[in-house]
Amino acid sequence: MLAIAGGKGGCGKTTTTLGLAAALDSPTLVVDADVDLPNLHRLAGVDATPTLADAHGGSVDAVAHAHPDEPGVSVLPAPDGSRADAPGLDALLSGLTPSASTPTLVDCPAGAGPDAAAALRAADAALLVSALCRPALRDTAKTAAMARTLGTEPVGVVLTRTHLAPDAVAELLDCPVLGSVPPVEPPVLSRPAVQSAYARLADEIRQEEDLLSCVNK
């Protein structure tokens, strides 16, 4: 399970989750762990229910939504945070049982709150996402530090809305820059330049055996 994480809301985590899932060219599960500001289902074009909570203790395949435009990509929307009887996010993510070797990408909440910590704790590794500006990078550095404290290693960073991949970013976050996603007009995921960027990111992941194993767990 790979957590797609970053410190700032709006930095491109959800777009990266779906863009990478489509580029992996294999059956892939994407999960929204942002209980307070769920957006994955909207960007994917699927209903808000059933959710991650409905997959708890049962078959993921039975409740996950098929992405309407990306064959092989399945979507689990965020659970309803107002349900007092729902299991915690830790239990929901840890209890996921997708089909064997199905890559699982978790769209994490921004910041360093309990839900962000739960998503990172459940994952095998983290892929950081950040805009190329000082405030965003500072917040992403905090996310990287939190992930390491929880025992989840950041394996790389994706820079959004830029063509650049400065070495200084890798030094700041202590992990490689795996790719950059250029600035484009919406709808972002339908733009060839963005699709090519996520295809290159998927290639980077396939070439790194340790990283690929984290995605496929």
C-alpha atoms as a PDB file:
ATOM      1  CA  MET A   1       0.000   0.000   0.000  1.00  0.00           C
ATOM      2  CA  LEU A   2       1.422   3.358  -1.081  1.00  0.00           C
ATOM      3  CA  ALA A   3       0.277   6.539   0.663  1.00  0.00           C
ATOM      4  CA  ILE A   4       0.080   9.594  -1.597  1.00  0.00           C
ATOM      5  CA  ALA A   5       0.816  12.340   0.917  1.00  0.00           C
ATOM      6  CA  GLY A   6       1.578  16.032   1.171  1.00  0.00           C
ATOM      7  CA  GLY A   7       1.386  18.902   3.599  1.00  0.00           C
ATOM      8  CA  LYS A   8      -0.826  21.288   1.646  1.00  0.00           C
ATOM      9  CA  GLY A   9      -4.377  20.858   0.434  1.00  0.00           C
ATOM     10  CA  GLY A  10      -4.665  21.456  -3.284  1.00  0.00           C
ATOM     11  CA  CYS A  11      -1.100  20.370  -4.039  1.00  0.00           C
ATOM     12  CA  GLY A  12      -2.212  17.605  -6.402  1.00  0.00           C
ATOM     13  CA  LYS A  13      -2.431  14.490  -4.212  1.00  0.00           C
ATOM     14  CA  THR A  14      -5.792  13.363  -5.573  1.00  0.00           C
ATOM     15  CA  THR A  15      -4.792  14.064  -9.167  1.00  0.00           C
ATOM     16  CA  THR A  16      -1.546  12.160  -8.622  1.00  0.00           C
ATOM     17  CA  THR A  17      -3.389   9.221  -7.049  1.00  0.00           C
ATOM     18  CA  LEU A  18      -5.651   8.837 -10.072  1.00  0.00           C
ATOM     19  CA  GLY A  19      -3.007   9.746 -12.649  1.00  0.00           C
ATOM     20  CA  LEU A  20      -0.553   7.188 -11.315  1.00  0.00           C
ATOM     21  CA  ALA A  21      -3.261   4.515 -11.003  1.00  0.00           C
ATOM     22  CA  ALA A  22      -4.187   4.959 -14.657  1.00  0.00           C
ATOM     23  CA  ALA A  23      -0.542   4.884 -15.735  1.00  0.00           C
ATOM     24  CA  LEU A  24       0.321   1.638 -13.921  1.00  0.00           C
ATOM     25  CA  ASP A  25      -1.561  -0.314 -16.624  1.00  0.00           C
ATOM     26  CA  SER A  26      -2.714  -2.989 -14.185  1.00  0.00           C
ATOM     27  CA  PRO A  27      -5.755  -3.478 -11.937  1.00  0.00           C
ATOM     28  CA  THR A  28      -5.282  -0.832  -9.242  1.00  0.00           C
ATOM     29  CA  LEU A  29      -7.292   0.158  -6.170  1.00  0.00           C
ATOM     30  CA  VAL A  30      -7.411   3.827  -5.145  1.00  0.00           C
ATOM     31  CA  VAL A  31      -8.722   4.728  -1.698  1.00  0.00           C
ATOM     32  CA  ASP A  32      -9.798   8.109  -0.334  1.00  0.00           C
ATOM     33  CA  ALA A  33      -8.643   8.518   3.267  1.00  0.00           C
ATOM     34  CA  ASP A  34      -9.649  12.183   3.510  1.00  0.00           C
ATOM     35  CA  VAL A  35     -12.724  11.923   5.710  1.00  0.00           C
ATOM     36  CA  ASP A  36     -13.163  15.684   6.192  1.00  0.00           C
ATOM     37  CA  LEU A  37     -12.621  16.835   2.585  1.00  0.00           C
ATOM     38  CA  PRO A  38     -13.279  13.823   0.348  1.00  0.00           C
ATOM     39  CA  ASN A  39     -12.707  14.544  -3.330  1.00  0.00           C
ATOM     40  CA  LEU A  40     -11.403  11.368  -4.948  1.00  0.00           C
ATOM     41  CA  HIS A  41     -14.848  10.128  -5.969  1.00  0.00           C
ATOM     42  CA  ARG A  42     -15.683  13.468  -7.599  1.00  0.00           C
ATOM     43  CA  LEU A  43     -12.497  13.576  -9.646  1.00  0.00           C
ATOM     44  CA  ALA A  44     -12.973   9.936 -10.633  1.00  0.00           C
ATOM     45  CA  GLY A  45     -16.609  10.501 -11.578  1.00  0.00           C
ATOM     46  CA  VAL A  46     -18.115   7.859  -9.289  1.00  0.00           C
ATOM     47  CA  ASP A  47     -20.767   7.883  -6.556  1.00  0.00           C
ATOM     48  CA  ALA A  48     -19.835   8.738  -2.972  1.00  0.00           C
ATOM     49  CA  THR A  49     -21.214   5.404  -1.707  1.00  0.00           C
ATOM     50  CA  PRO A  50     -20.417   2.598  -1.027  1.00  0.00           C
ATOM     51  CA  THR A  51     -17.295   3.702   0.838  1.00  0.00           C
ATOM     52  CA  LEU A  52     -14.166   2.367   2.467  1.00  0.00           C
ATOM     53  CA  ALA A  53     -16.272   1.583   5.546  1.00  0.00           C
ATOM     54  CA  ASP A  54     -18.474  -0.757   3.504  1.00  0.00           C
ATOM     55  CA  ALA A  55     -15.417  -2.781   2.501  1.00  0.00           C
ATOM     56  CA  HIS A  56     -14.482  -3.412   6.145  1.00  0.00           C
ATOM     57  CA  GLY A  57     -14.451  -7.134   6.846  1.00  0.00           C
ATOM     58  CA  GLY A  58     -15.721  -7.996   3.390  1.00  0.00           C
ATOM     59  CA  SER A  59     -14.798  -8.080  -0.264  1.00  0.00           C
ATOM     60  CA  VAL A  60     -13.263  -4.929  -1.711  1.00  0.00           C
ATOM     61  CA  ASP A  61     -14.274  -6.011  -5.196  1.00  0.00           C
ATOM     62  CA  ALA A  62     -17.919  -6.156  -4.154  1.00  0.00           C
ATOM     63  CA  VAL A  63     -18.111  -2.483  -3.121  1.00  0.00           C
ATOM     64  CA  ALA A  64     -15.379  -0.635  -5.053  1.00  0.00           C
ATOM     65  CA  HIS A  65     -16.506   1.536  -7.962  1.00  0.00           C
ATOM     66  CA  ALA A  66     -15.127   0.933 -11.438  1.00  0.00           C
ATOM     67  CA  HIS A  67     -13.567   4.105 -12.832  1.00  0.00           C
ATOM     68  CA  PRO A  68     -15.725   5.102 -15.820  1.00  0.00           C
ATOM     69  CA  ASP A  69     -12.789   6.160 -18.010  1.00  0.00           C
ATOM     70  CA  GLU A  70      -9.871   4.035 -16.789  1.00  0.00           C
ATOM     71  CA  PRO A  71     -10.381   0.260 -17.149  1.00  0.00           C
ATOM     72  CA  GLY A  72      -8.821  -1.604 -14.247  1.00  0.00           C
ATOM     73  CA  VAL A  73      -8.908   1.311 -11.791  1.00  0.00           C
ATOM     74  CA  SER A  74     -11.246   0.751  -8.818  1.00  0.00           C
ATOM     75  CA  VAL A  75     -12.249   3.526  -6.423  1.00  0.00           C
ATOM     76  CA  LEU A  76     -13.161   3.380  -2.729  1.00  0.00           C
ATOM     77  CA  PRO A  77     -14.560   6.744  -1.556  1.00  0.00           C
ATOM     78  CA  ALA A  78     -13.866   8.084   1.929  1.00  0.00           C
ATOM     79  CA  PRO A  79     -16.080   6.888   4.780  1.00  0.00           C
ATOM     80  CA  ASP A  80     -18.698   9.137   6.336  1.00  0.00           C
ATOM     81  CA  GLY A  81     -16.897  10.790   9.225  1.00  0.00           C
ATOM     82  CA  SER A  82     -20.175  11.591  10.989  1.00  0.00           C
ATOM     83  CA  ARG A  83     -20.988   7.920  11.625  1.00  0.00           C
ATOM     84  CA  ALA A  84     -20.244   7.300  15.293  1.00  0.00           C
ATOM     85  CA  ASP A  85     -20.517   3.536  14.827  1.00  0.00           C
ATOM     86  CA  ALA A  86     -17.923   3.371  12.025  1.00  0.00           C
ATOM     87  CA  PRO A  87     -14.525   1.788  12.718  1.00  0.00           C
ATOM     88  CA  GLY A  88     -11.551   4.153  12.874  1.00  0.00           C
ATOM     89  CA  LEU A  89      -9.532   4.954   9.774  1.00  0.00           C
ATOM     90  CA  ASP A  90      -6.626   2.847  11.080  1.00  0.00           C
ATOM     91  CA  ALA A  91      -8.835  -0.234  11.256  1.00  0.00           C
ATOM     92  CA  LEU A  92     -10.472   0.432   7.893  1.00  0.00           C
ATOM     93  CA  LEU A  93      -7.188   0.785   6.027  1.00  0.00           C
ATOM     94  CA  SER A  94      -5.411  -2.033   7.849  1.00  0.00           C
ATOM     95  CA  GLY A  95      -8.362  -4.323   7.189  1.00  0.00           C
ATOM     96  CA  LEU A  96      -8.397  -3.795   3.425  1.00  0.00           C
ATOM     97  CA  THR A  97      -8.079  -7.063   1.539  1.00  0.00           C
ATOM     98  CA  PRO A  98      -7.864  -6.321  -2.183  1.00  0.00           C
ATOM     99  CA  SER A  99      -7.103  -9.086  -4.641  1.00  0.00           C
ATOM    100  CA  ALA A 100      -3.593 -10.504  -4.391  1.00  0.00           C
ATOM    101  CA  SER A 101      -0.893  -8.223  -5.840  1.00  0.00           C
ATOM    102  CA  THR A 102      -3.382  -5.452  -6.644  1.00  0.00           C
ATOM    103  CA  PRO A 103      -1.557  -2.118  -6.308  1.00  0.00           C
ATOM    104  CA  THR A 104      -3.254   0.047  -3.676  1.00  0.00           C
ATOM    105  CA  LEU A 105      -2.845   3.828  -3.602  1.00  0.00           C
ATOM    106  CA  VAL A 106      -4.214   5.832  -0.662  1.00  0.00           C
ATOM    107  CA  ASP A 107      -5.104   9.493  -1.169  1.00  0.00           C
ATOM    108  CA  CYS A 108      -4.118  10.954   2.209  1.00  0.00           C
ATOM    109  CA  PRO A 109      -5.540  13.993   3.991  1.00  0.00           C
ATOM    110  CA  ALA A 110      -3.333  17.075   3.983  1.00  0.00           C
ATOM    111  CA  GLY A 111      -1.484  18.151   7.096  1.00  0.00           C
ATOM    112  CA  ALA A 112      -0.416  16.267  10.190  1.00  0.00           C
ATOM    113  CA  GLY A 113      -3.727  15.447  11.877  1.00  0.00           C
ATOM    114  CA  PRO A 114      -4.909  12.071  13.202  1.00  0.00           C
ATOM    115  CA  ASP A 115      -6.399  10.933   9.875  1.00  0.00           C
ATOM    116  CA  ALA A 116      -3.200  11.772   7.991  1.00  0.00           C
ATOM    117  CA  ALA A 117      -1.232   9.837  10.597  1.00  0.00           C
ATOM    118  CA  ALA A 118      -3.620   6.871  10.331  1.00  0.00           C
ATOM    119  CA  ALA A 119      -3.236   6.708   6.552  1.00  0.00           C
ATOM    120  CA  LEU A 120       0.543   6.897   6.746  1.00  0.00           C
ATOM    121  CA  ARG A 121       0.703   4.321   9.536  1.00  0.00           C
ATOM    122  CA  ALA A 122      -1.287   1.809   7.496  1.00  0.00           C
ATOM    123  CA  ALA A 123       0.856   2.218   4.369  1.00  0.00           C
ATOM    124  CA  ASP A 124       4.051   0.403   3.444  1.00  0.00           C
ATOM    125  CA  ALA A 125       5.643   3.542   1.982  1.00  0.00           C
ATOM    126  CA  ALA A 126       4.758   7.134   1.112  1.00  0.00           C
ATOM    127  CA  LEU A 127       4.978   9.087  -2.126  1.00  0.00           C
ATOM    128  CA  LEU A 128       5.148  12.804  -1.368  1.00  0.00           C
ATOM    129  CA  VAL A 129       3.400  15.382  -3.556  1.00  0.00           C
ATOM    130  CA  SER A 130       4.244  19.077  -3.440  1.00  0.00           C
ATOM    131  CA  ALA A 131       4.055  22.278  -5.399  1.00  0.00           C
ATOM    132  CA  LEU A 132       7.429  23.894  -6.043  1.00  0.00           C
ATOM    133  CA  CYS A 133       7.142  26.783  -3.597  1.00  0.00           C
ATOM    134  CA  ARG A 134       8.584  27.341  -0.144  1.00  0.00           C
ATOM    135  CA  PRO A 135       5.373  27.138   1.931  1.00  0.00           C
ATOM    136  CA  ALA A 136       4.314  23.883   0.252  1.00  0.00           C
ATOM    137  CA  LEU A 137       7.778  22.357   0.549  1.00  0.00           C
ATOM    138  CA  ARG A 138       7.994  23.300   4.235  1.00  0.00           C
ATOM    139  CA  ASP A 139       4.697  21.561   4.908  1.00  0.00           C
ATOM    140  CA  THR A 140       5.750  18.550   2.829  1.00  0.00           C
ATOM    141  CA  ALA A 141       8.942  18.305   4.884  1.00  0.00           C
ATOM    142  CA  LYS A 142       6.762  18.083   8.002  1.00  0.00           C
ATOM    143  CA  THR A 143       4.725  15.311   6.374  1.00  0.00           C
ATOM    144  CA  ALA A 144       7.937  13.455   5.504  1.00  0.00           C
ATOM    145  CA  ALA A 145       9.137  13.747   9.103  1.00  0.00           C
ATOM    146  CA  MET A 146       5.805  12.483  10.442  1.00  0.00           C
ATOM    147  CA  ALA A 147       5.857   9.539   8.045  1.00  0.00           C
ATOM    148  CA  ARG A 148       9.333   8.538   9.194  1.00  0.00           C
ATOM    149  CA  THR A 149       8.292   8.836  12.840  1.00  0.00           C
ATOM    150  CA  LEU A 150       5.429   6.429  12.093  1.00  0.00           C
ATOM    151  CA  GLY A 151       7.789   3.984  10.375  1.00  0.00           C
ATOM    152  CA  THR A 152       6.599   4.712   6.830  1.00  0.00           C
ATOM    153  CA  GLU A 153       9.474   5.737   4.597  1.00  0.00           C
ATOM    154  CA  PRO A 154       8.962   8.440   1.948  1.00  0.00           C
ATOM    155  CA  VAL A 155      10.314   6.811  -1.203  1.00  0.00           C
ATOM    156  CA  GLY A 156      10.138   9.844  -3.454  1.00  0.00           C
ATOM    157  CA  VAL A 157       8.437  13.116  -4.282  1.00  0.00           C
ATOM    158  CA  VAL A 158       6.380  14.314  -7.241  1.00  0.00           C
ATOM    159  CA  LEU A 159       6.420  18.041  -7.981  1.00  0.00           C
ATOM    160  CA  THR A 160       3.236  19.474  -9.443  1.00  0.00           C
ATOM    161  CA  ARG A 161       2.524  22.414 -11.753  1.00  0.00           C
ATOM    162  CA  THR A 162       6.152  22.674 -12.824  1.00  0.00           C
ATOM    163  CA  HIS A 163       8.592  21.360 -15.402  1.00  0.00           C
ATOM    164  CA  LEU A 164      11.462  21.515 -12.901  1.00  0.00           C
ATOM    165  CA  ALA A 165      12.946  18.904 -10.561  1.00  0.00           C
ATOM    166  CA  PRO A 166      15.622  20.704  -8.505  1.00  0.00           C
ATOM    167  CA  ASP A 167      18.206  18.677  -6.597  1.00  0.00           C
ATOM    168  CA  ALA A 168      17.585  20.940  -3.598  1.00  0.00           C
ATOM    169  CA  VAL A 169      14.113  19.421  -3.174  1.00  0.00           C
ATOM    170  CA  ALA A 170      15.566  15.926  -2.895  1.00  0.00           C
ATOM    171  CA  GLU A 171      18.032  17.207  -0.296  1.00  0.00           C
ATOM    172  CA  LEU A 172      15.310  18.966   1.708  1.00  0.00           C
ATOM    173  CA  LEU A 173      12.993  15.943   1.798  1.00  0.00           C
ATOM    174  CA  ASP A 174      15.771  13.319   1.884  1.00  0.00           C
ATOM    175  CA  CYS A 175      14.233  11.316  -0.961  1.00  0.00           C
ATOM    176  CA  PRO A 176      14.522  11.433  -4.754  1.00  0.00           C
ATOM    177  CA  VAL A 177      12.395  13.572  -7.037  1.00  0.00           C
ATOM    178  CA  LEU A 178      10.664  10.890  -9.106  1.00  0.00           C
ATOM    179  CA  GLY A 179       8.969  13.264 -11.516  1.00  0.00           C
ATOM    180  CA  SER A 180       7.279  16.577 -12.189  1.00  0.00           C
ATOM    181  CA  VAL A 181       3.827  17.305 -13.586  1.00  0.00           C
ATOM    182  CA  PRO A 182       3.542  20.358 -15.841  1.00  0.00           C
ATOM    183  CA  PRO A 183       1.012  23.149 -15.334  1.00  0.00           C
ATOM    184  CA  VAL A 184      -1.998  22.756 -17.640  1.00  0.00           C
ATOM    185  CA  GLU A 185      -5.562  23.980 -17.886  1.00  0.00           C
ATOM    186  CA  PRO A 186      -8.301  21.681 -16.547  1.00  0.00           C
ATOM    187  CA  PRO A 187      -9.398  18.990 -17.008  1.00  0.00           C
ATOM    188  CA  VAL A 188      -5.884  18.111 -15.893  1.00  0.00           C
ATOM    189  CA  LEU A 189      -5.938  14.323 -16.219  1.00  0.00           C
ATOM    190  CA  SER A 190      -7.072  14.410 -19.835  1.00  0.00           C
ATOM    191  CA  ARG A 191      -4.065  16.468 -20.964  1.00  0.00           C
ATOM    192  CA  PRO A 192      -1.403  14.479 -22.885  1.00  0.00           C
ATOM    193  CA  ALA A 193       1.453  16.275 -21.103  1.00  0.00           C
ATOM    194  CA  VAL A 194       0.075  15.232 -17.718  1.00  0.00           C
ATOM    195  CA  GLN A 195      -0.615  11.672 -18.847  1.00  0.00           C
ATOM    196  CA  SER A 196       2.977  11.439 -20.101  1.00  0.00           C
ATOM    197  CA  ALA A 197       4.280  12.741 -16.769  1.00  0.00           C
ATOM    198  CA  TYR A 198       2.405  10.060 -14.827  1.00  0.00           C
ATOM    199  CA  ALA A 199       3.502   7.406 -17.334  1.00  0.00           C
ATOM    200  CA  ARG A 200       7.118   8.361 -16.605  1.00  0.00           C
ATOM    201  CA  LEU A 201       6.398   8.193 -12.870  1.00  0.00           C
ATOM    202  CA  ALA A 202       4.917   4.713 -13.291  1.00  0.00           C
ATOM    203  CA  ASP A 203       8.052   3.670 -15.199  1.00  0.00           C
ATOM    204  CA  GLU A 204      10.221   4.958 -12.337  1.00  0.00           C
ATOM    205  CA  ILE A 205       8.216   2.859  -9.887  1.00  0.00           C
ATOM    206  CA  ARG A 206       8.455  -0.270 -12.041  1.00  0.00           C
ATOM    207  CA  GLN A 207      12.240   0.091 -12.244  1.00  0.00           C
ATOM    208  CA  GLU A 208      12.628   0.273  -8.451  1.00  0.00           C
ATOM    209  CA  GLU A 209      11.970  -3.206  -7.075  1.00  0.00           C
ATOM    210  CA  ASP A 210      11.633  -2.054  -3.450  1.00  0.00           C
ATOM    211  CA  LEU A 211       9.196   0.695  -4.401  1.00  0.00           C
ATOM    212  CA  LEU A 212       7.175  -1.603  -6.643  1.00  0.00           C
ATOM    213  CA  SER A 213       6.858  -4.120  -3.816  1.00  0.00           C
ATOM    214  CA  CYS A 214       5.390  -1.415  -1.541  1.00  0.00           C
ATOM    215  CA  VAL A 215       2.799  -0.478  -4.156  1.00  0.00           C
ATOM    216  CA  ASN A 216       1.812  -4.108  -4.675  1.00  0.00           C
ATOM    217  CA  LYS A 217       1.428  -5.052  -1.012  1.00  0.00           C
END
